[in-house]
Protein backbone atom coordinates (compact mmCIF):
# COMPACT_ATOMS: atom_id res chain seq x y z
CA UNK A 1 0.00 0.00 0.00
CA UNK A 2 1.35 3.35 -0.98
CA UNK A 3 -1.02 5.40 1.23
CA UNK A 4 -1.79 4.12 4.70
CA UNK A 5 -5.49 4.11 5.59
CA UNK A 6 -7.25 4.53 8.88
CA UNK A 7 -9.15 7.00 10.97
CA UNK A 8 -6.21 9.16 12.04
CA UNK A 9 -4.52 11.17 9.31
CA UNK A 10 -0.71 11.10 9.11
CA UNK A 11 1.15 13.39 11.52
CA UNK A 12 2.14 15.79 8.75
CA UNK A 13 -1.51 16.93 8.47
CA UNK A 14 -1.94 17.80 12.14
CA UNK A 15 -1.49 21.47 13.07
CA UNK A 16 1.07 22.49 15.64
CA UNK A 17 -0.26 23.22 19.13
CA UNK A 18 -0.61 26.85 20.10
CA UNK A 19 2.19 28.21 22.28
CA UNK A 20 1.38 28.10 25.98
CA UNK A 21 1.47 31.16 28.19
CA UNK A 22 1.42 29.05 31.37
CA UNK A 23 4.19 29.79 33.84
CA UNK A 24 4.91 27.38 36.67
CA UNK A 25 6.47 30.18 38.72
CA UNK A 26 3.25 32.19 38.51
CA UNK A 27 1.31 29.30 40.06
CA UNK A 28 3.83 28.93 42.88
CA UNK A 29 3.91 32.62 43.72
CA UNK A 30 0.12 32.87 43.91
CA UNK A 31 0.16 31.96 47.61
CA UNK A 32 -2.05 28.86 47.35
CA UNK A 33 0.42 26.62 49.15
CA UNK A 34 1.69 27.43 52.66
CA UNK A 35 5.38 27.77 53.47
CA UNK A 36 7.29 24.52 53.74
CA UNK A 37 9.19 23.41 56.82
CA UNK A 38 12.85 24.42 56.79
CA UNK A 39 13.76 20.72 56.96
CA UNK A 40 11.55 17.81 55.90
CA UNK A 41 10.42 15.18 58.37
CA UNK A 42 13.16 12.62 58.87
CA UNK A 43 12.61 9.45 56.93
CA UNK A 44 11.54 6.59 59.21
CA UNK A 45 11.03 8.85 62.24
CA UNK A 46 8.08 8.56 64.61
CA UNK A 47 6.72 11.93 63.43
CA UNK A 48 6.82 10.82 59.80
CA UNK A 49 5.01 7.57 60.66
CA UNK A 50 2.28 9.44 62.54
CA UNK A 51 1.97 11.91 59.66
CA UNK A 52 1.72 9.15 57.03
CA UNK A 53 -0.95 7.36 59.10
CA UNK A 54 -2.92 10.62 59.45
CA UNK A 55 -2.80 11.32 55.69
CA UNK A 56 -3.69 7.69 54.93
CA UNK A 57 -6.74 7.84 57.21
CA UNK A 58 -7.81 11.19 55.75
CA UNK A 59 -7.58 9.82 52.19
CA UNK A 60 -9.53 6.72 53.25
CA UNK A 61 -12.28 8.92 54.69
CA UNK A 62 -12.40 10.95 51.46
CA UNK A 63 -12.67 7.71 49.51
CA UNK A 64 -15.56 6.55 51.70
CA UNK A 65 -17.39 9.85 51.27
CA UNK A 66 -16.82 9.79 47.52
CA UNK A 67 -18.21 6.26 47.30
CA UNK A 68 -21.37 7.46 49.08
CA UNK A 69 -21.66 10.63 46.98
CA UNK A 70 -25.01 12.28 46.40
CA UNK A 71 -26.88 10.83 49.39
CA UNK A 72 -30.67 10.92 49.39
CA UNK A 73 -32.62 12.75 52.09
CA UNK A 74 -33.51 9.39 53.68
CA UNK A 75 -29.81 8.45 53.89
CA UNK A 76 -28.97 11.83 55.42
CA UNK A 77 -31.66 11.52 58.11
CA UNK A 78 -30.67 7.91 58.86
CA UNK A 79 -27.03 8.98 59.27
CA UNK A 80 -28.11 11.81 61.59
CA UNK A 81 -30.06 9.34 63.74
CA UNK A 82 -27.09 6.94 63.89
CA UNK A 83 -24.78 9.81 64.85
CA UNK A 84 -27.10 10.77 67.70
CA UNK A 85 -27.29 7.18 68.95
CA UNK A 86 -23.54 6.57 68.60
CA UNK A 87 -22.67 9.96 70.13
CA UNK A 88 -20.59 11.03 67.14
CA UNK A 89 -19.43 7.57 66.07
CA UNK A 90 -18.06 6.71 62.65
CA UNK A 91 -21.02 7.55 60.44
CA UNK A 92 -20.00 8.70 56.99
CA UNK A 93 -22.25 10.87 54.85
CA UNK A 94 -21.27 11.16 51.19
CA UNK A 95 -20.48 14.30 49.24
CA UNK A 96 -23.47 16.15 47.83
CA UNK A 97 -21.27 18.66 46.03
CA UNK A 98 -17.70 18.88 44.71
CA UNK A 99 -16.82 21.85 46.94
CA UNK A 100 -16.24 19.90 50.21
CA UNK A 101 -14.29 17.24 48.31
CA UNK A 102 -11.97 19.86 46.83
CA UNK A 103 -11.52 21.57 50.19
CA UNK A 104 -10.54 18.31 51.92
CA UNK A 105 -8.10 17.35 49.15
CA UNK A 106 -6.53 20.82 49.23
CA UNK A 107 -6.07 20.50 53.00
CA UNK A 108 -4.23 17.20 52.62
CA UNK A 109 -2.06 18.55 49.78
CA UNK A 110 -1.18 21.54 51.97
CA UNK A 111 -0.19 19.26 54.85
CA UNK A 112 2.01 17.12 52.61
CA UNK A 113 3.56 20.27 51.14
CA UNK A 114 4.32 21.75 54.56
CA UNK A 115 5.78 18.51 55.88
CA UNK A 116 8.23 18.21 53.02
CA UNK A 117 7.62 14.46 53.06
CA UNK A 118 7.52 12.99 49.59
C-alpha atoms as a PDB file:
ATOM      1  CA  UNK A   1       0.000   0.000   0.000  1.00  0.00           C
ATOM      2  CA  UNK A   2       1.350   3.346  -0.979  1.00  0.00           C
ATOM      3  CA  UNK A   3      -1.016   5.396   1.226  1.00  0.00           C
ATOM      4  CA  UNK A   4      -1.794   4.117   4.704  1.00  0.00           C
ATOM      5  CA  UNK A   5      -5.493   4.113   5.587  1.00  0.00           C
ATOM      6  CA  UNK A   6      -7.254   4.534   8.880  1.00  0.00           C
ATOM      7  CA  UNK A   7      -9.155   6.996  10.970  1.00  0.00           C
ATOM      8  CA  UNK A   8      -6.212   9.156  12.042  1.00  0.00           C
ATOM      9  CA  UNK A   9      -4.519  11.173   9.312  1.00  0.00           C
ATOM     10  CA  UNK A  10      -0.711  11.100   9.107  1.00  0.00           C
ATOM     11  CA  UNK A  11       1.151  13.386  11.517  1.00  0.00           C
ATOM     12  CA  UNK A  12       2.143  15.794   8.748  1.00  0.00           C
ATOM     13  CA  UNK A  13      -1.515  16.932   8.466  1.00  0.00           C
ATOM     14  CA  UNK A  14      -1.944  17.805  12.145  1.00  0.00           C
ATOM     15  CA  UNK A  15      -1.494  21.469  13.072  1.00  0.00           C
ATOM     16  CA  UNK A  16       1.070  22.488  15.643  1.00  0.00           C
ATOM     17  CA  UNK A  17      -0.262  23.220  19.127  1.00  0.00           C
ATOM     18  CA  UNK A  18      -0.609  26.850  20.103  1.00  0.00           C
ATOM     19  CA  UNK A  19       2.190  28.208  22.282  1.00  0.00           C
ATOM     20  CA  UNK A  20       1.383  28.101  25.977  1.00  0.00           C
ATOM     21  CA  UNK A  21       1.471  31.163  28.185  1.00  0.00           C
ATOM     22  CA  UNK A  22       1.421  29.049  31.372  1.00  0.00           C
ATOM     23  CA  UNK A  23       4.192  29.789  33.841  1.00  0.00           C
ATOM     24  CA  UNK A  24       4.908  27.382  36.673  1.00  0.00           C
ATOM     25  CA  UNK A  25       6.475  30.176  38.720  1.00  0.00           C
ATOM     26  CA  UNK A  26       3.249  32.191  38.513  1.00  0.00           C
ATOM     27  CA  UNK A  27       1.309  29.296  40.061  1.00  0.00           C
ATOM     28  CA  UNK A  28       3.831  28.927  42.877  1.00  0.00           C
ATOM     29  CA  UNK A  29       3.906  32.620  43.719  1.00  0.00           C
ATOM     30  CA  UNK A  30       0.120  32.872  43.912  1.00  0.00           C
ATOM     31  CA  UNK A  31       0.162  31.957  47.610  1.00  0.00           C
ATOM     32  CA  UNK A  32      -2.047  28.862  47.349  1.00  0.00           C
ATOM     33  CA  UNK A  33       0.425  26.623  49.148  1.00  0.00           C
ATOM     34  CA  UNK A  34       1.689  27.430  52.660  1.00  0.00           C
ATOM     35  CA  UNK A  35       5.377  27.774  53.471  1.00  0.00           C
ATOM     36  CA  UNK A  36       7.292  24.519  53.738  1.00  0.00           C
ATOM     37  CA  UNK A  37       9.185  23.414  56.824  1.00  0.00           C
ATOM     38  CA  UNK A  38      12.852  24.424  56.787  1.00  0.00           C
ATOM     39  CA  UNK A  39      13.764  20.716  56.964  1.00  0.00           C
ATOM     40  CA  UNK A  40      11.549  17.807  55.898  1.00  0.00           C
ATOM     41  CA  UNK A  41      10.417  15.176  58.373  1.00  0.00           C
ATOM     42  CA  UNK A  42      13.164  12.621  58.872  1.00  0.00           C
ATOM     43  CA  UNK A  43      12.606   9.446  56.930  1.00  0.00           C
ATOM     44  CA  UNK A  44      11.542   6.594  59.211  1.00  0.00           C
ATOM     45  CA  UNK A  45      11.029   8.848  62.239  1.00  0.00           C
ATOM     46  CA  UNK A  46       8.075   8.561  64.609  1.00  0.00           C
ATOM     47  CA  UNK A  47       6.716  11.926  63.431  1.00  0.00           C
ATOM     48  CA  UNK A  48       6.820  10.816  59.802  1.00  0.00           C
ATOM     49  CA  UNK A  49       5.014   7.572  60.656  1.00  0.00           C
ATOM     50  CA  UNK A  50       2.285   9.442  62.542  1.00  0.00           C
ATOM     51  CA  UNK A  51       1.971  11.907  59.659  1.00  0.00           C
ATOM     52  CA  UNK A  52       1.716   9.147  57.033  1.00  0.00           C
ATOM     53  CA  UNK A  53      -0.949   7.362  59.102  1.00  0.00           C
ATOM     54  CA  UNK A  54      -2.916  10.620  59.450  1.00  0.00           C
ATOM     55  CA  UNK A  55      -2.799  11.316  55.694  1.00  0.00           C
ATOM     56  CA  UNK A  56      -3.687   7.692  54.926  1.00  0.00           C
ATOM     57  CA  UNK A  57      -6.741   7.838  57.213  1.00  0.00           C
ATOM     58  CA  UNK A  58      -7.809  11.193  55.749  1.00  0.00           C
ATOM     59  CA  UNK A  59      -7.579   9.819  52.190  1.00  0.00           C
ATOM     60  CA  UNK A  60      -9.527   6.723  53.248  1.00  0.00           C
ATOM     61  CA  UNK A  61     -12.283   8.924  54.694  1.00  0.00           C
ATOM     62  CA  UNK A  62     -12.404  10.953  51.456  1.00  0.00           C
ATOM     63  CA  UNK A  63     -12.673   7.710  49.508  1.00  0.00           C
ATOM     64  CA  UNK A  64     -15.564   6.545  51.705  1.00  0.00           C
ATOM     65  CA  UNK A  65     -17.388   9.847  51.273  1.00  0.00           C
ATOM     66  CA  UNK A  66     -16.823   9.792  47.524  1.00  0.00           C
ATOM     67  CA  UNK A  67     -18.214   6.260  47.303  1.00  0.00           C
ATOM     68  CA  UNK A  68     -21.369   7.457  49.084  1.00  0.00           C
ATOM     69  CA  UNK A  69     -21.657  10.627  46.981  1.00  0.00           C
ATOM     70  CA  UNK A  70     -25.013  12.282  46.395  1.00  0.00           C
ATOM     71  CA  UNK A  71     -26.881  10.833  49.393  1.00  0.00           C
ATOM     72  CA  UNK A  72     -30.674  10.918  49.385  1.00  0.00           C
ATOM     73  CA  UNK A  73     -32.618  12.747  52.086  1.00  0.00           C
ATOM     74  CA  UNK A  74     -33.507   9.394  53.678  1.00  0.00           C
ATOM     75  CA  UNK A  75     -29.807   8.450  53.891  1.00  0.00           C
ATOM     76  CA  UNK A  76     -28.970  11.830  55.423  1.00  0.00           C
ATOM     77  CA  UNK A  77     -31.662  11.517  58.106  1.00  0.00           C
ATOM     78  CA  UNK A  78     -30.669   7.913  58.861  1.00  0.00           C
ATOM     79  CA  UNK A  79     -27.030   8.977  59.265  1.00  0.00           C
ATOM     80  CA  UNK A  80     -28.109  11.807  61.589  1.00  0.00           C
ATOM     81  CA  UNK A  81     -30.057   9.335  63.742  1.00  0.00           C
ATOM     82  CA  UNK A  82     -27.094   6.943  63.890  1.00  0.00           C
ATOM     83  CA  UNK A  83     -24.782   9.808  64.854  1.00  0.00           C
ATOM     84  CA  UNK A  84     -27.099  10.775  67.705  1.00  0.00           C
ATOM     85  CA  UNK A  85     -27.290   7.182  68.952  1.00  0.00           C
ATOM     86  CA  UNK A  86     -23.536   6.569  68.603  1.00  0.00           C
ATOM     87  CA  UNK A  87     -22.666   9.961  70.133  1.00  0.00           C
ATOM     88  CA  UNK A  88     -20.588  11.026  67.141  1.00  0.00           C
ATOM     89  CA  UNK A  89     -19.426   7.573  66.075  1.00  0.00           C
ATOM     90  CA  UNK A  90     -18.057   6.713  62.652  1.00  0.00           C
ATOM     91  CA  UNK A  91     -21.024   7.554  60.445  1.00  0.00           C
ATOM     92  CA  UNK A  92     -20.003   8.698  56.987  1.00  0.00           C
ATOM     93  CA  UNK A  93     -22.248  10.872  54.846  1.00  0.00           C
ATOM     94  CA  UNK A  94     -21.267  11.157  51.195  1.00  0.00           C
ATOM     95  CA  UNK A  95     -20.478  14.301  49.242  1.00  0.00           C
ATOM     96  CA  UNK A  96     -23.465  16.146  47.830  1.00  0.00           C
ATOM     97  CA  UNK A  97     -21.270  18.660  46.026  1.00  0.00           C
ATOM     98  CA  UNK A  98     -17.702  18.882  44.707  1.00  0.00           C
ATOM     99  CA  UNK A  99     -16.823  21.854  46.941  1.00  0.00           C
ATOM    100  CA  UNK A 100     -16.242  19.901  50.208  1.00  0.00           C
ATOM    101  CA  UNK A 101     -14.290  17.239  48.308  1.00  0.00           C
ATOM    102  CA  UNK A 102     -11.972  19.856  46.827  1.00  0.00           C
ATOM    103  CA  UNK A 103     -11.524  21.571  50.193  1.00  0.00           C
ATOM    104  CA  UNK A 104     -10.535  18.312  51.921  1.00  0.00           C
ATOM    105  CA  UNK A 105      -8.096  17.347  49.154  1.00  0.00           C
ATOM    106  CA  UNK A 106      -6.527  20.825  49.227  1.00  0.00           C
ATOM    107  CA  UNK A 107      -6.073  20.499  53.004  1.00  0.00           C
ATOM    108  CA  UNK A 108      -4.234  17.199  52.617  1.00  0.00           C
ATOM    109  CA  UNK A 109      -2.064  18.553  49.785  1.00  0.00           C
ATOM    110  CA  UNK A 110      -1.184  21.544  51.974  1.00  0.00           C
ATOM    111  CA  UNK A 111      -0.186  19.262  54.852  1.00  0.00           C
ATOM    112  CA  UNK A 112       2.013  17.120  52.612  1.00  0.00           C
ATOM    113  CA  UNK A 113       3.563  20.267  51.142  1.00  0.00           C
ATOM    114  CA  UNK A 114       4.324  21.755  54.555  1.00  0.00           C
ATOM    115  CA  UNK A 115       5.776  18.505  55.884  1.00  0.00           C
ATOM    116  CA  UNK A 116       8.230  18.214  53.016  1.00  0.00           C
ATOM    117  CA  UNK A 117       7.624  14.458  53.058  1.00  0.00           C
ATOM    118  CA  UNK A 118       7.522  12.992  49.594  1.00  0.00           C
END
